[in-house]
Amino acid sequence: MSNNEGFKAVPKRKLVDEILEQLQNSIFSGQFKPGDKLPTEIELMEQFSVGRSTVREAVKILVHAGVLQVRHGDGTYIKSVELPESYLKTAKKYREQHIYEVRKMLDLQICEIAVANRTEKDLENMQAYLDQRKKALDSGNYADYVEADLHFHFAIAQSTQNELLVDLYRDFCTILKEYLSHLIVQDVRQYDDSTPIHEQLLQAIKDRNTERAKLLILENLKESSRKTN
């Protein structure tokens, strides 16, 4: 007779959260210094008793956050031993408040023009990236989640049909990629899924409801800002 009928599989996201947290504790505790080589993927798999994909996802988001650096054919090295919160607030080229201000300005303006100019194809692209975003987060694939999130917002920018605005947002996404990765690394267990806000935003753009879309943009920015405080 089975004794585990009430057991449930542990979601992959929980496993990635755990490994990411343990890696951070080791890196930021003074055990490593910049330039040190991280144990190999196989060694990490053995130490954590998890599969290859779980280790890779944890390492990948730390690479995106600027904590680790992959040297192809050589290994993974420690790039920064600063705590994510400290790094985010003091060591970046741009201040957090400045990123927020520029993002707010761009997202609100893009949203207004997108509502007026979006096509059915644009809406399909947004939905596809939103689906990818949700799937990646649920699976603990944080690097893919950040990529899908940026693609979703970039798809909104593309729907403005304004080439200059699209180019500006493309460049800004480079900054956002590292910024969003740091939000996850900063406190992975408290990183909530904002999919409902994004789904409502897409619906507002579909409905050509400018005011509703702008309110959702501000709500999303407020959620992101709360995670850094």
C-alpha atoms as a PDB file:
ATOM      1  CA  MET A   1       0.000   0.000   0.000  1.00  0.00           C
ATOM      2  CA  SER A   2       1.380   3.423  -0.965  1.00  0.00           C
ATOM      3  CA  ASN A   3       2.231   5.836   1.848  1.00  0.00           C
ATOM      4  CA  ASN A   4       2.675   8.888  -0.342  1.00  0.00           C
ATOM      5  CA  GLU A   5      -0.792   9.370  -1.787  1.00  0.00           C
ATOM      6  CA  GLY A   6      -0.979  12.816  -0.214  1.00  0.00           C
ATOM      7  CA  PHE A   7       2.409  13.945  -1.508  1.00  0.00           C
ATOM      8  CA  LYS A   8       2.683  16.515  -4.272  1.00  0.00           C
ATOM      9  CA  ALA A   9       5.513  17.161  -6.671  1.00  0.00           C
ATOM     10  CA  VAL A  10       7.647  20.157  -5.739  1.00  0.00           C
ATOM     11  CA  PRO A  11       7.210  22.839  -8.446  1.00  0.00           C
ATOM     12  CA  LYS A  12      10.392  23.495 -10.387  1.00  0.00           C
ATOM     13  CA  ARG A  13      10.226  27.142  -9.410  1.00  0.00           C
ATOM     14  CA  LYS A  14      10.614  26.162  -5.741  1.00  0.00           C
ATOM     15  CA  LEU A  15      13.714  24.119  -6.544  1.00  0.00           C
ATOM     16  CA  VAL A  16      15.277  26.963  -8.530  1.00  0.00           C
ATOM     17  CA  ASP A  17      14.426  29.391  -5.701  1.00  0.00           C
ATOM     18  CA  GLU A  18      16.227  27.137  -3.223  1.00  0.00           C
ATOM     19  CA  ILE A  19      19.345  26.670  -5.353  1.00  0.00           C
ATOM     20  CA  LEU A  20      19.477  30.358  -6.228  1.00  0.00           C
ATOM     21  CA  GLU A  21      19.255  31.285  -2.564  1.00  0.00           C
ATOM     22  CA  GLN A  22      21.998  28.824  -1.572  1.00  0.00           C
ATOM     23  CA  LEU A  23      24.292  30.027  -4.353  1.00  0.00           C
ATOM     24  CA  GLN A  24      23.783  33.619  -3.265  1.00  0.00           C
ATOM     25  CA  ASN A  25      24.495  32.770   0.369  1.00  0.00           C
ATOM     26  CA  SER A  26      27.793  31.177  -0.656  1.00  0.00           C
ATOM     27  CA  ILE A  27      28.798  33.985  -3.008  1.00  0.00           C
ATOM     28  CA  PHE A  28      27.888  36.877  -0.699  1.00  0.00           C
ATOM     29  CA  SER A  29      29.143  35.289   2.541  1.00  0.00           C
ATOM     30  CA  GLY A  30      32.800  35.889   1.735  1.00  0.00           C
ATOM     31  CA  GLN A  31      33.459  32.336   0.612  1.00  0.00           C
ATOM     32  CA  PHE A  32      34.352  33.643  -2.851  1.00  0.00           C
ATOM     33  CA  LYS A  33      36.053  36.725  -4.214  1.00  0.00           C
ATOM     34  CA  PRO A  34      35.759  38.295  -7.693  1.00  0.00           C
ATOM     35  CA  GLY A  35      37.600  36.152 -10.212  1.00  0.00           C
ATOM     36  CA  ASP A  36      37.095  32.888  -8.352  1.00  0.00           C
ATOM     37  CA  LYS A  37      35.760  29.972 -10.358  1.00  0.00           C
ATOM     38  CA  LEU A  38      32.414  28.477  -9.424  1.00  0.00           C
ATOM     39  CA  PRO A  39      32.219  24.671  -9.071  1.00  0.00           C
ATOM     40  CA  THR A  40      31.358  22.939 -12.331  1.00  0.00           C
ATOM     41  CA  GLU A  41      27.780  22.270 -13.353  1.00  0.00           C
ATOM     42  CA  ILE A  42      28.162  18.571 -12.515  1.00  0.00           C
ATOM     43  CA  GLU A  43      29.656  19.370  -9.106  1.00  0.00           C
ATOM     44  CA  LEU A  44      26.778  21.731  -8.323  1.00  0.00           C
ATOM     45  CA  MET A  45      24.259  19.089  -9.407  1.00  0.00           C
ATOM     46  CA  GLU A  46      25.857  16.624  -7.003  1.00  0.00           C
ATOM     47  CA  GLN A  47      26.135  19.098  -4.139  1.00  0.00           C
ATOM     48  CA  PHE A  48      22.504  20.234  -4.436  1.00  0.00           C
ATOM     49  CA  SER A  49      21.100  16.843  -5.542  1.00  0.00           C
ATOM     50  CA  VAL A  50      19.148  18.443  -8.386  1.00  0.00           C
ATOM     51  CA  GLY A  51      19.040  18.138 -12.152  1.00  0.00           C
ATOM     52  CA  ARG A  52      21.074  20.017 -14.724  1.00  0.00           C
ATOM     53  CA  SER A  53      18.242  22.338 -15.810  1.00  0.00           C
ATOM     54  CA  THR A  54      17.662  23.562 -12.234  1.00  0.00           C
ATOM     55  CA  VAL A  55      21.332  24.451 -11.795  1.00  0.00           C
ATOM     56  CA  ARG A  56      21.449  26.142 -15.187  1.00  0.00           C
ATOM     57  CA  GLU A  57      18.426  28.352 -14.460  1.00  0.00           C
ATOM     58  CA  ALA A  58      19.857  29.523 -11.145  1.00  0.00           C
ATOM     59  CA  VAL A  59      23.251  30.264 -12.699  1.00  0.00           C
ATOM     60  CA  LYS A  60      21.708  31.980 -15.726  1.00  0.00           C
ATOM     61  CA  ILE A  61      19.777  34.566 -13.704  1.00  0.00           C
ATOM     62  CA  LEU A  62      22.890  35.339 -11.647  1.00  0.00           C
ATOM     63  CA  VAL A  63      24.762  35.881 -14.914  1.00  0.00           C
ATOM     64  CA  HIS A  64      22.044  38.273 -16.121  1.00  0.00           C
ATOM     65  CA  ALA A  65      22.226  40.105 -12.808  1.00  0.00           C
ATOM     66  CA  GLY A  66      25.962  40.625 -13.234  1.00  0.00           C
ATOM     67  CA  VAL A  67      26.957  38.417 -10.289  1.00  0.00           C
ATOM     68  CA  LEU A  68      28.460  35.593 -12.370  1.00  0.00           C
ATOM     69  CA  GLN A  69      30.286  35.505 -15.695  1.00  0.00           C
ATOM     70  CA  VAL A  70      30.433  32.542 -18.068  1.00  0.00           C
ATOM     71  CA  ARG A  71      33.702  32.048 -19.959  1.00  0.00           C
ATOM     72  CA  HIS A  72      32.821  29.603 -22.697  1.00  0.00           C
ATOM     73  CA  GLY A  73      35.070  26.579 -22.712  1.00  0.00           C
ATOM     74  CA  ASP A  74      36.521  27.541 -19.349  1.00  0.00           C
ATOM     75  CA  GLY A  75      33.783  27.780 -16.708  1.00  0.00           C
ATOM     76  CA  THR A  76      31.709  30.168 -14.617  1.00  0.00           C
ATOM     77  CA  TYR A  77      33.431  32.846 -12.552  1.00  0.00           C
ATOM     78  CA  ILE A  78      32.434  35.223  -9.778  1.00  0.00           C
ATOM     79  CA  LYS A  79      32.017  38.715 -11.196  1.00  0.00           C
ATOM     80  CA  SER A  80      30.645  40.525  -8.133  1.00  0.00           C
ATOM     81  CA  VAL A  81      30.372  39.601  -4.451  1.00  0.00           C
ATOM     82  CA  GLU A  82      28.200  42.599  -3.583  1.00  0.00           C
ATOM     83  CA  LEU A  83      24.798  41.940  -2.093  1.00  0.00           C
ATOM     84  CA  PRO A  84      22.185  42.490  -4.834  1.00  0.00           C
ATOM     85  CA  GLU A  85      20.374  45.271  -2.944  1.00  0.00           C
ATOM     86  CA  SER A  86      23.587  47.198  -2.378  1.00  0.00           C
ATOM     87  CA  TYR A  87      24.682  46.654  -5.955  1.00  0.00           C
ATOM     88  CA  LEU A  88      21.340  47.815  -7.275  1.00  0.00           C
ATOM     89  CA  LYS A  89      21.299  51.030  -5.292  1.00  0.00           C
ATOM     90  CA  THR A  90      24.931  52.159  -5.367  1.00  0.00           C
ATOM     91  CA  ALA A  91      27.135  50.412  -7.903  1.00  0.00           C
ATOM     92  CA  LYS A  92      25.115  50.632 -11.096  1.00  0.00           C
ATOM     93  CA  LYS A  93      25.796  53.234 -13.745  1.00  0.00           C
ATOM     94  CA  TYR A  94      22.248  54.513 -13.406  1.00  0.00           C
ATOM     95  CA  ARG A  95      20.399  55.216 -10.173  1.00  0.00           C
ATOM     96  CA  GLU A  96      17.296  53.181  -9.482  1.00  0.00           C
ATOM     97  CA  GLN A  97      15.119  56.303  -9.318  1.00  0.00           C
ATOM     98  CA  HIS A  98      16.377  57.450 -12.714  1.00  0.00           C
ATOM     99  CA  ILE A  99      15.535  54.070 -14.261  1.00  0.00           C
ATOM    100  CA  TYR A 100      12.056  54.288 -12.766  1.00  0.00           C
ATOM    101  CA  GLU A 101      11.497  57.828 -14.073  1.00  0.00           C
ATOM    102  CA  VAL A 102      12.600  56.996 -17.617  1.00  0.00           C
ATOM    103  CA  ARG A 103      10.615  53.767 -17.642  1.00  0.00           C
ATOM    104  CA  LYS A 104       7.496  55.576 -16.456  1.00  0.00           C
ATOM    105  CA  MET A 105       7.874  58.256 -19.117  1.00  0.00           C
ATOM    106  CA  LEU A 106       8.458  55.757 -21.927  1.00  0.00           C
ATOM    107  CA  ASP A 107       5.829  53.216 -20.886  1.00  0.00           C
ATOM    108  CA  LEU A 108       3.059  55.791 -20.481  1.00  0.00           C
ATOM    109  CA  GLN A 109       3.790  57.470 -23.821  1.00  0.00           C
ATOM    110  CA  ILE A 110       4.169  54.145 -25.620  1.00  0.00           C
ATOM    111  CA  CYS A 111       0.923  52.894 -24.101  1.00  0.00           C
ATOM    112  CA  GLU A 112      -1.036  55.905 -25.320  1.00  0.00           C
ATOM    113  CA  ILE A 113       0.225  55.609 -28.897  1.00  0.00           C
ATOM    114  CA  ALA A 114      -0.080  51.809 -28.907  1.00  0.00           C
ATOM    115  CA  VAL A 115      -3.761  51.970 -28.010  1.00  0.00           C
ATOM    116  CA  ALA A 116      -4.370  54.126 -31.074  1.00  0.00           C
ATOM    117  CA  ASN A 117      -2.092  52.352 -33.570  1.00  0.00           C
ATOM    118  CA  ARG A 118      -1.973  48.662 -32.594  1.00  0.00           C
ATOM    119  CA  THR A 119      -2.959  46.037 -35.134  1.00  0.00           C
ATOM    120  CA  GLU A 120      -4.387  42.551 -34.664  1.00  0.00           C
ATOM    121  CA  LYS A 121      -0.935  41.135 -35.408  1.00  0.00           C
ATOM    122  CA  ASP A 122       0.533  43.306 -32.656  1.00  0.00           C
ATOM    123  CA  LEU A 123      -2.019  41.927 -30.208  1.00  0.00           C
ATOM    124  CA  GLU A 124      -1.142  38.368 -31.211  1.00  0.00           C
ATOM    125  CA  ASN A 125       2.547  39.049 -30.568  1.00  0.00           C
ATOM    126  CA  MET A 126       1.813  40.535 -27.145  1.00  0.00           C
ATOM    127  CA  GLN A 127      -0.313  37.533 -26.187  1.00  0.00           C
ATOM    128  CA  ALA A 128       2.366  35.083 -27.322  1.00  0.00           C
ATOM    129  CA  TYR A 129       5.041  36.764 -25.208  1.00  0.00           C
ATOM    130  CA  LEU A 130       2.675  37.025 -22.256  1.00  0.00           C
ATOM    131  CA  ASP A 131       2.054  33.267 -22.470  1.00  0.00           C
ATOM    132  CA  GLN A 132       5.818  32.627 -22.608  1.00  0.00           C
ATOM    133  CA  ARG A 133       6.328  34.930 -19.635  1.00  0.00           C
ATOM    134  CA  LYS A 134       3.825  33.059 -17.463  1.00  0.00           C
ATOM    135  CA  LYS A 135       5.135  29.636 -18.440  1.00  0.00           C
ATOM    136  CA  ALA A 136       8.753  30.608 -17.750  1.00  0.00           C
ATOM    137  CA  LEU A 137       7.973  32.048 -14.316  1.00  0.00           C
ATOM    138  CA  ASP A 138       5.880  29.054 -13.273  1.00  0.00           C
ATOM    139  CA  SER A 139       8.775  26.773 -14.275  1.00  0.00           C
ATOM    140  CA  GLY A 140      11.398  28.807 -12.445  1.00  0.00           C
ATOM    141  CA  ASN A 141      13.089  29.728 -15.724  1.00  0.00           C
ATOM    142  CA  TYR A 142      13.864  33.232 -14.516  1.00  0.00           C
ATOM    143  CA  ALA A 143      16.210  34.240 -17.320  1.00  0.00           C
ATOM    144  CA  ASP A 144      13.595  33.218 -19.910  1.00  0.00           C
ATOM    145  CA  TYR A 145      10.946  35.016 -17.840  1.00  0.00           C
ATOM    146  CA  VAL A 146      12.889  38.277 -17.965  1.00  0.00           C
ATOM    147  CA  GLU A 147      13.416  37.874 -21.709  1.00  0.00           C
ATOM    148  CA  ALA A 148       9.692  37.200 -22.317  1.00  0.00           C
ATOM    149  CA  ASP A 149       8.694  40.136 -20.111  1.00  0.00           C
ATOM    150  CA  LEU A 150      10.942  42.475 -22.074  1.00  0.00           C
ATOM    151  CA  HIS A 151       9.634  41.066 -25.374  1.00  0.00           C
ATOM    152  CA  PHE A 152       6.066  41.716 -24.203  1.00  0.00           C
ATOM    153  CA  HIS A 153       6.766  45.361 -23.422  1.00  0.00           C
ATOM    154  CA  PHE A 154       8.853  45.752 -26.561  1.00  0.00           C
ATOM    155  CA  ALA A 155       5.927  44.368 -28.587  1.00  0.00           C
ATOM    156  CA  ILE A 156       3.796  47.155 -27.139  1.00  0.00           C
ATOM    157  CA  ALA A 157       6.461  49.641 -28.241  1.00  0.00           C
ATOM    158  CA  GLN A 158       6.491  48.151 -31.736  1.00  0.00           C
ATOM    159  CA  SER A 159       2.721  48.540 -31.962  1.00  0.00           C
ATOM    160  CA  THR A 160       3.144  52.326 -31.837  1.00  0.00           C
ATOM    161  CA  GLN A 161       4.496  52.124 -35.411  1.00  0.00           C
ATOM    162  CA  ASN A 162       6.966  54.853 -34.344  1.00  0.00           C
ATOM    163  CA  GLU A 163      10.453  53.720 -35.400  1.00  0.00           C
ATOM    164  CA  LEU A 164      12.316  56.239 -33.243  1.00  0.00           C
ATOM    165  CA  LEU A 165      10.339  55.279 -30.150  1.00  0.00           C
ATOM    166  CA  VAL A 166      10.969  51.605 -30.907  1.00  0.00           C
ATOM    167  CA  ASP A 167      14.714  52.215 -31.193  1.00  0.00           C
ATOM    168  CA  LEU A 168      14.752  54.141 -27.914  1.00  0.00           C
ATOM    169  CA  TYR A 169      12.908  51.368 -26.110  1.00  0.00           C
ATOM    170  CA  ARG A 170      15.173  48.708 -27.601  1.00  0.00           C
ATOM    171  CA  ASP A 171      18.195  50.449 -26.089  1.00  0.00           C
ATOM    172  CA  PHE A 172      16.397  50.912 -22.771  1.00  0.00           C
ATOM    173  CA  CYS A 173      15.629  47.187 -22.635  1.00  0.00           C
ATOM    174  CA  THR A 174      19.350  46.509 -22.225  1.00  0.00           C
ATOM    175  CA  ILE A 175      19.245  48.412 -18.933  1.00  0.00           C
ATOM    176  CA  LEU A 176      15.929  46.868 -17.915  1.00  0.00           C
ATOM    177  CA  LYS A 177      17.246  43.341 -18.424  1.00  0.00           C
ATOM    178  CA  GLU A 178      19.891  43.726 -15.747  1.00  0.00           C
ATOM    179  CA  TYR A 179      17.542  45.743 -13.525  1.00  0.00           C
ATOM    180  CA  LEU A 180      14.751  43.126 -13.607  1.00  0.00           C
ATOM    181  CA  SER A 181      17.255  40.329 -13.031  1.00  0.00           C
ATOM    182  CA  HIS A 182      18.449  42.126  -9.909  1.00  0.00           C
ATOM    183  CA  LEU A 183      14.885  42.390  -8.598  1.00  0.00           C
ATOM    184  CA  ILE A 184      14.625  38.603  -8.727  1.00  0.00           C
ATOM    185  CA  VAL A 185      18.063  37.966  -7.246  1.00  0.00           C
ATOM    186  CA  GLN A 186      17.399  40.531  -4.525  1.00  0.00           C
ATOM    187  CA  ASP A 187      14.659  38.380  -2.965  1.00  0.00           C
ATOM    188  CA  VAL A 188      13.591  35.492  -5.161  1.00  0.00           C
ATOM    189  CA  ARG A 189      11.120  34.085  -2.634  1.00  0.00           C
ATOM    190  CA  GLN A 190       9.207  37.365  -2.482  1.00  0.00           C
ATOM    191  CA  TYR A 191       9.086  37.848  -6.248  1.00  0.00           C
ATOM    192  CA  ASP A 192       5.386  37.650  -7.089  1.00  0.00           C
ATOM    193  CA  ASP A 193       3.768  37.002 -10.430  1.00  0.00           C
ATOM    194  CA  SER A 194       2.312  40.203 -11.895  1.00  0.00           C
ATOM    195  CA  THR A 195       0.667  38.345 -14.780  1.00  0.00           C
ATOM    196  CA  PRO A 196      -2.859  39.576 -13.871  1.00  0.00           C
ATOM    197  CA  ILE A 197      -1.746  43.188 -14.310  1.00  0.00           C
ATOM    198  CA  HIS A 198      -0.158  42.371 -17.657  1.00  0.00           C
ATOM    199  CA  GLU A 199      -3.231  40.465 -18.833  1.00  0.00           C
ATOM    200  CA  GLN A 200      -5.437  43.413 -17.946  1.00  0.00           C
ATOM    201  CA  LEU A 201      -3.023  45.760 -19.711  1.00  0.00           C
ATOM    202  CA  LEU A 202      -3.258  43.705 -22.884  1.00  0.00           C
ATOM    203  CA  GLN A 203      -7.047  43.716 -22.638  1.00  0.00           C
ATOM    204  CA  ALA A 204      -7.088  47.502 -22.224  1.00  0.00           C
ATOM    205  CA  ILE A 205      -4.937  47.885 -25.343  1.00  0.00           C
ATOM    206  CA  LYS A 206      -7.318  45.549 -27.199  1.00  0.00           C
ATOM    207  CA  ASP A 207     -10.270  47.641 -26.050  1.00  0.00           C
ATOM    208  CA  ARG A 208      -8.462  50.855 -27.012  1.00  0.00           C
ATOM    209  CA  ASN A 209      -9.018  52.079 -23.464  1.00  0.00           C
ATOM    210  CA  THR A 210      -6.200  54.564 -22.987  1.00  0.00           C
ATOM    211  CA  GLU A 211      -6.965  55.643 -19.440  1.00  0.00           C
ATOM    212  CA  ARG A 212      -7.338  52.070 -18.205  1.00  0.00           C
ATOM    213  CA  ALA A 213      -4.074  51.056 -19.890  1.00  0.00           C
ATOM    214  CA  LYS A 214      -2.206  53.959 -18.296  1.00  0.00           C
ATOM    215  CA  LEU A 215      -3.523  53.097 -14.846  1.00  0.00           C
ATOM    216  CA  LEU A 216      -2.269  49.523 -15.294  1.00  0.00           C
ATOM    217  CA  ILE A 217       1.142  50.769 -16.434  1.00  0.00           C
ATOM    218  CA  LEU A 218       1.388  52.786 -13.213  1.00  0.00           C
ATOM    219  CA  GLU A 219       0.214  49.819 -11.143  1.00  0.00           C
ATOM    220  CA  ASN A 220       2.893  47.618 -12.704  1.00  0.00           C
ATOM    221  CA  LEU A 221       5.576  50.218 -12.014  1.00  0.00           C
ATOM    222  CA  LYS A 222       4.343  50.540  -8.444  1.00  0.00           C
ATOM    223  CA  GLU A 223       4.649  46.773  -7.951  1.00  0.00           C
ATOM    224  CA  SER A 224       8.195  46.774  -9.329  1.00  0.00           C
ATOM    225  CA  SER A 225       9.170  49.727  -7.158  1.00  0.00           C
ATOM    226  CA  ARG A 226       7.781  48.035  -4.026  1.00  0.00           C
ATOM    227  CA  LYS A 227      10.071  45.051  -4.569  1.00  0.00           C
ATOM    228  CA  THR A 228      13.151  47.252  -4.286  1.00  0.00           C
ATOM    229  CA  ASN A 229      12.145  49.008  -1.060  1.00  0.00           C
END
